[in-house]
Amino acid sequence: MTGANSGLGLVTATELARHGARVVLAVRDTAAGEQAREGIRATVAGADLEVRELDLASLTSVRTFAKELTAEHPEIDPPSASNSTAVCAIPVRPFSASSRTPE
């Protein structure tokens, strides 16, 4: 989970752990990641958590993270793992000129 040491990333990581998932906390600052891990463990008994360094602004960091993670966890499919970082666009639906409602 990217950004797992704060905000939405932390909430998502906590809820995934609560539902029994093994969660990799992918963070720029591993000290902050360790604190997040301890916070999650304080609320989710038996949480299966791993902290790993990942700086999404550095392609070297991304490559290293992906290489190490897939080497240690061959069950992870790299293309599907990258879907969480995809940029989404809302599809545009044309409007009728007379009604201003979608066609």
N, C-alpha and C. Protein backbone atom coordinates (compact mmCIF):
# COMPACT_ATOMS: atom_id res chain seq x y z
N MET A 1 0.85 -1.16 0.00
CA MET A 1 0.00 0.00 0.00
C MET A 1 0.90 1.23 0.00
N THR A 2 0.83 2.03 -1.05
CA THR A 2 1.65 3.23 -1.09
C THR A 2 1.08 4.29 -0.15
N GLY A 3 1.96 5.10 0.41
CA GLY A 3 1.53 6.15 1.33
C GLY A 3 0.88 5.60 2.59
N ALA A 4 1.31 4.44 3.03
CA ALA A 4 0.63 3.73 4.12
C ALA A 4 0.94 4.27 5.50
N ASN A 5 1.74 5.30 5.61
CA ASN A 5 2.07 5.81 6.94
C ASN A 5 1.18 6.97 7.38
N SER A 6 0.27 7.43 6.49
CA SER A 6 -0.63 8.51 6.90
C SER A 6 -1.84 8.57 5.99
N GLY A 7 -2.83 9.31 6.42
CA GLY A 7 -4.00 9.60 5.59
C GLY A 7 -4.74 8.38 5.08
N LEU A 8 -5.21 8.48 3.85
CA LEU A 8 -5.99 7.42 3.23
C LEU A 8 -5.20 6.12 3.10
N GLY A 9 -3.90 6.23 2.83
CA GLY A 9 -3.07 5.02 2.73
C GLY A 9 -3.04 4.26 4.04
N LEU A 10 -2.94 4.98 5.16
CA LEU A 10 -2.93 4.34 6.48
C LEU A 10 -4.28 3.71 6.79
N VAL A 11 -5.35 4.41 6.49
CA VAL A 11 -6.70 3.88 6.73
C VAL A 11 -6.91 2.62 5.89
N THR A 12 -6.51 2.68 4.63
CA THR A 12 -6.68 1.52 3.73
C THR A 12 -5.85 0.34 4.21
N ALA A 13 -4.60 0.59 4.58
CA ALA A 13 -3.73 -0.48 5.08
C ALA A 13 -4.32 -1.11 6.34
N THR A 14 -4.86 -0.29 7.22
CA THR A 14 -5.47 -0.79 8.46
C THR A 14 -6.67 -1.67 8.15
N GLU A 15 -7.51 -1.23 7.26
CA GLU A 15 -8.72 -2.00 6.93
C GLU A 15 -8.37 -3.30 6.19
N LEU A 16 -7.37 -3.25 5.32
CA LEU A 16 -6.93 -4.49 4.66
C LEU A 16 -6.42 -5.48 5.70
N ALA A 17 -5.62 -5.00 6.64
CA ALA A 17 -5.10 -5.86 7.71
C ALA A 17 -6.24 -6.40 8.56
N ARG A 18 -7.22 -5.57 8.86
CA ARG A 18 -8.37 -5.99 9.67
C ARG A 18 -9.13 -7.14 9.00
N HIS A 19 -9.08 -7.16 7.68
CA HIS A 19 -9.77 -8.22 6.94
C HIS A 19 -8.84 -9.39 6.58
N GLY A 20 -7.68 -9.42 7.20
CA GLY A 20 -6.80 -10.57 7.06
C GLY A 20 -5.78 -10.53 5.95
N ALA A 21 -5.65 -9.41 5.27
CA ALA A 21 -4.68 -9.31 4.17
C ALA A 21 -3.27 -9.14 4.72
N ARG A 22 -2.31 -9.65 3.98
CA ARG A 22 -0.91 -9.35 4.26
C ARG A 22 -0.62 -8.05 3.55
N VAL A 23 -0.18 -7.03 4.29
CA VAL A 23 -0.05 -5.69 3.74
C VAL A 23 1.41 -5.25 3.76
N VAL A 24 1.88 -4.80 2.60
CA VAL A 24 3.21 -4.20 2.49
C VAL A 24 3.01 -2.70 2.57
N LEU A 25 3.60 -2.09 3.60
CA LEU A 25 3.52 -0.64 3.77
C LEU A 25 4.67 -0.03 2.97
N ALA A 26 4.35 0.52 1.81
CA ALA A 26 5.36 1.08 0.91
C ALA A 26 5.45 2.58 1.19
N VAL A 27 6.57 2.99 1.79
CA VAL A 27 6.71 4.37 2.28
C VAL A 27 8.07 4.95 1.91
N ARG A 28 8.13 6.28 1.80
CA ARG A 28 9.42 6.95 1.57
C ARG A 28 10.28 6.91 2.82
N ASP A 29 9.65 7.14 3.96
CA ASP A 29 10.34 7.23 5.25
C ASP A 29 10.05 5.96 6.05
N THR A 30 11.01 5.06 6.12
CA THR A 30 10.76 3.78 6.80
C THR A 30 10.53 3.95 8.30
N ALA A 31 11.09 4.99 8.91
CA ALA A 31 10.82 5.23 10.34
C ALA A 31 9.35 5.54 10.53
N ALA A 32 8.78 6.35 9.66
CA ALA A 32 7.35 6.65 9.71
C ALA A 32 6.54 5.40 9.42
N GLY A 33 7.05 4.56 8.51
CA GLY A 33 6.39 3.28 8.21
C GLY A 33 6.36 2.36 9.41
N GLU A 34 7.47 2.32 10.15
CA GLU A 34 7.53 1.49 11.37
C GLU A 34 6.51 1.98 12.40
N GLN A 35 6.39 3.30 12.54
CA GLN A 35 5.40 3.86 13.47
C GLN A 35 3.99 3.49 13.04
N ALA A 36 3.74 3.57 11.73
CA ALA A 36 2.42 3.20 11.21
C ALA A 36 2.14 1.72 11.48
N ARG A 37 3.16 0.88 11.27
CA ARG A 37 2.99 -0.56 11.51
C ARG A 37 2.62 -0.81 12.97
N GLU A 38 3.31 -0.15 13.89
CA GLU A 38 2.99 -0.34 15.30
C GLU A 38 1.60 0.17 15.64
N GLY A 39 1.19 1.28 15.01
CA GLY A 39 -0.16 1.80 15.22
C GLY A 39 -1.23 0.84 14.72
N ILE A 40 -0.99 0.25 13.56
CA ILE A 40 -1.95 -0.72 13.02
C ILE A 40 -2.00 -1.94 13.93
N ARG A 41 -0.85 -2.43 14.35
CA ARG A 41 -0.82 -3.61 15.23
C ARG A 41 -1.51 -3.35 16.57
N ALA A 42 -1.50 -2.10 17.01
CA ALA A 42 -2.17 -1.75 18.27
C ALA A 42 -3.69 -1.88 18.13
N THR A 43 -4.21 -1.72 16.91
CA THR A 43 -5.65 -1.80 16.71
C THR A 43 -6.11 -3.08 16.03
N VAL A 44 -5.18 -3.76 15.35
CA VAL A 44 -5.53 -5.00 14.64
C VAL A 44 -4.60 -6.11 15.13
N ALA A 45 -5.10 -6.91 16.05
CA ALA A 45 -4.29 -8.00 16.60
C ALA A 45 -3.90 -8.97 15.50
N GLY A 46 -2.63 -9.35 15.49
CA GLY A 46 -2.14 -10.33 14.53
C GLY A 46 -1.98 -9.81 13.11
N ALA A 47 -1.98 -8.49 12.92
CA ALA A 47 -1.84 -7.93 11.57
C ALA A 47 -0.53 -8.38 10.95
N ASP A 48 -0.59 -8.81 9.69
CA ASP A 48 0.58 -9.27 8.95
C ASP A 48 1.07 -8.10 8.09
N LEU A 49 2.09 -7.41 8.60
CA LEU A 49 2.55 -6.17 7.97
C LEU A 49 4.04 -6.19 7.70
N GLU A 50 4.42 -5.58 6.60
CA GLU A 50 5.82 -5.46 6.23
C GLU A 50 6.07 -4.03 5.77
N VAL A 51 7.15 -3.41 6.24
CA VAL A 51 7.50 -2.05 5.83
C VAL A 51 8.60 -2.12 4.79
N ARG A 52 8.40 -1.41 3.67
CA ARG A 52 9.41 -1.34 2.61
C ARG A 52 9.53 0.09 2.12
N GLU A 53 10.76 0.46 1.78
CA GLU A 53 11.00 1.80 1.25
C GLU A 53 10.58 1.87 -0.22
N LEU A 54 9.85 2.94 -0.54
CA LEU A 54 9.45 3.19 -1.92
C LEU A 54 9.23 4.68 -2.10
N ASP A 55 10.01 5.28 -3.00
CA ASP A 55 9.84 6.69 -3.34
C ASP A 55 9.33 6.74 -4.77
N LEU A 56 8.06 7.05 -4.93
CA LEU A 56 7.45 7.04 -6.26
C LEU A 56 8.00 8.12 -7.18
N ALA A 57 8.73 9.08 -6.63
CA ALA A 57 9.36 10.12 -7.45
C ALA A 57 10.69 9.66 -8.04
N SER A 58 11.14 8.47 -7.66
CA SER A 58 12.42 7.94 -8.14
C SER A 58 12.19 6.62 -8.88
N LEU A 59 12.47 6.62 -10.18
CA LEU A 59 12.31 5.38 -10.95
C LEU A 59 13.26 4.29 -10.45
N THR A 60 14.41 4.68 -9.97
CA THR A 60 15.34 3.70 -9.40
C THR A 60 14.72 3.02 -8.19
N SER A 61 14.09 3.82 -7.32
CA SER A 61 13.42 3.27 -6.15
C SER A 61 12.28 2.35 -6.55
N VAL A 62 11.50 2.75 -7.53
CA VAL A 62 10.37 1.94 -7.99
C VAL A 62 10.86 0.62 -8.56
N ARG A 63 11.90 0.67 -9.39
CA ARG A 63 12.45 -0.57 -9.97
C ARG A 63 12.99 -1.50 -8.90
N THR A 64 13.73 -0.94 -7.94
CA THR A 64 14.29 -1.74 -6.85
C THR A 64 13.18 -2.38 -6.02
N PHE A 65 12.19 -1.59 -5.68
CA PHE A 65 11.06 -2.09 -4.90
C PHE A 65 10.37 -3.24 -5.64
N ALA A 66 10.06 -3.03 -6.91
CA ALA A 66 9.36 -4.06 -7.69
C ALA A 66 10.19 -5.33 -7.83
N LYS A 67 11.47 -5.18 -8.09
CA LYS A 67 12.36 -6.33 -8.26
C LYS A 67 12.45 -7.14 -6.97
N GLU A 68 12.66 -6.46 -5.85
CA GLU A 68 12.79 -7.15 -4.56
C GLU A 68 11.47 -7.79 -4.13
N LEU A 69 10.38 -7.05 -4.31
CA LEU A 69 9.08 -7.57 -3.87
C LEU A 69 8.68 -8.81 -4.67
N THR A 70 8.84 -8.77 -5.98
CA THR A 70 8.44 -9.92 -6.79
C THR A 70 9.41 -11.09 -6.62
N ALA A 71 10.67 -10.81 -6.28
CA ALA A 71 11.62 -11.90 -6.02
C ALA A 71 11.25 -12.63 -4.73
N GLU A 72 10.84 -11.87 -3.73
CA GLU A 72 10.49 -12.46 -2.44
C GLU A 72 9.06 -12.99 -2.39
N HIS A 73 8.22 -12.50 -3.26
CA HIS A 73 6.81 -12.89 -3.29
C HIS A 73 6.41 -13.22 -4.73
N PRO A 74 6.81 -14.38 -5.25
CA PRO A 74 6.53 -14.69 -6.66
C PRO A 74 5.04 -14.81 -6.97
N GLU A 75 4.20 -14.89 -5.94
CA GLU A 75 2.76 -14.97 -6.18
C GLU A 75 2.17 -13.64 -6.63
N ILE A 76 2.94 -12.55 -6.49
CA ILE A 76 2.46 -11.23 -6.91
C ILE A 76 2.68 -11.08 -8.41
N ASP A 77 1.64 -10.67 -9.10
CA ASP A 77 1.70 -10.42 -10.54
C ASP A 77 1.99 -8.94 -10.75
N PRO A 78 3.19 -8.56 -11.19
CA PRO A 78 3.54 -7.13 -11.30
C PRO A 78 2.54 -6.28 -12.08
N PRO A 79 2.00 -6.74 -13.24
CA PRO A 79 1.03 -5.87 -13.93
C PRO A 79 -0.21 -5.58 -13.09
N SER A 80 -0.72 -6.58 -12.37
CA SER A 80 -1.91 -6.32 -11.56
C SER A 80 -1.56 -5.51 -10.33
N ALA A 81 -0.36 -5.66 -9.81
CA ALA A 81 0.06 -4.88 -8.65
C ALA A 81 0.16 -3.41 -8.98
N SER A 82 0.48 -3.09 -10.23
CA SER A 82 0.63 -1.68 -10.60
C SER A 82 -0.70 -0.99 -10.87
N ASN A 83 -1.79 -1.74 -10.91
CA ASN A 83 -3.09 -1.13 -11.20
C ASN A 83 -3.48 -0.09 -10.15
N SER A 84 -3.00 -0.25 -8.93
CA SER A 84 -3.39 0.71 -7.89
C SER A 84 -2.76 2.07 -8.10
N THR A 85 -1.76 2.16 -8.96
CA THR A 85 -1.12 3.45 -9.19
C THR A 85 -1.54 4.06 -10.52
N ALA A 86 -2.52 3.46 -11.17
CA ALA A 86 -2.97 3.98 -12.45
C ALA A 86 -3.72 5.30 -12.28
N VAL A 87 -3.66 6.12 -13.29
CA VAL A 87 -4.42 7.37 -13.28
C VAL A 87 -5.74 7.10 -13.99
N CYS A 88 -6.81 7.46 -13.35
CA CYS A 88 -8.14 7.20 -13.91
C CYS A 88 -8.72 8.48 -14.50
N ALA A 89 -9.50 8.33 -15.53
CA ALA A 89 -10.22 9.46 -16.12
C ALA A 89 -11.70 9.12 -16.15
N ILE A 90 -12.51 10.08 -15.84
CA ILE A 90 -13.96 9.88 -15.89
C ILE A 90 -14.38 9.97 -17.34
N PRO A 91 -15.15 8.97 -17.81
CA PRO A 91 -15.57 9.02 -19.21
C PRO A 91 -16.50 10.21 -19.45
N VAL A 92 -16.38 10.80 -20.61
CA VAL A 92 -17.22 11.94 -20.97
C VAL A 92 -18.43 11.42 -21.72
N ARG A 93 -19.61 11.84 -21.27
CA ARG A 93 -20.84 11.48 -21.98
C ARG A 93 -21.37 12.73 -22.65
N PRO A 94 -21.69 12.65 -23.92
CA PRO A 94 -22.21 13.84 -24.62
C PRO A 94 -23.58 14.23 -24.08
N PHE A 95 -23.85 15.51 -24.07
CA PHE A 95 -25.14 16.02 -23.63
C PHE A 95 -25.95 16.47 -24.84
N SER A 96 -27.24 16.31 -24.74
CA SER A 96 -28.14 16.80 -25.77
C SER A 96 -28.21 18.31 -25.66
N ALA A 97 -28.11 19.03 -26.75
CA ALA A 97 -28.13 20.49 -26.73
C ALA A 97 -29.46 21.02 -26.22
N SER A 98 -30.54 20.31 -26.48
CA SER A 98 -31.86 20.82 -26.08
C SER A 98 -32.21 20.51 -24.63
N SER A 99 -31.77 19.38 -24.11
CA SER A 99 -32.20 19.00 -22.76
C SER A 99 -31.13 19.11 -21.71
N ARG A 100 -29.88 19.21 -22.10
CA ARG A 100 -28.74 19.24 -21.18
C ARG A 100 -28.69 17.98 -20.31
N THR A 101 -29.21 16.90 -20.84
CA THR A 101 -29.12 15.61 -20.15
C THR A 101 -28.28 14.69 -21.00
N PRO A 102 -27.66 13.69 -20.37
CA PRO A 102 -26.82 12.77 -21.17
C PRO A 102 -27.65 12.07 -22.23
N GLU A 103 -27.05 11.89 -23.39
CA GLU A 103 -27.74 11.19 -24.49
C GLU A 103 -27.75 9.71 -24.23
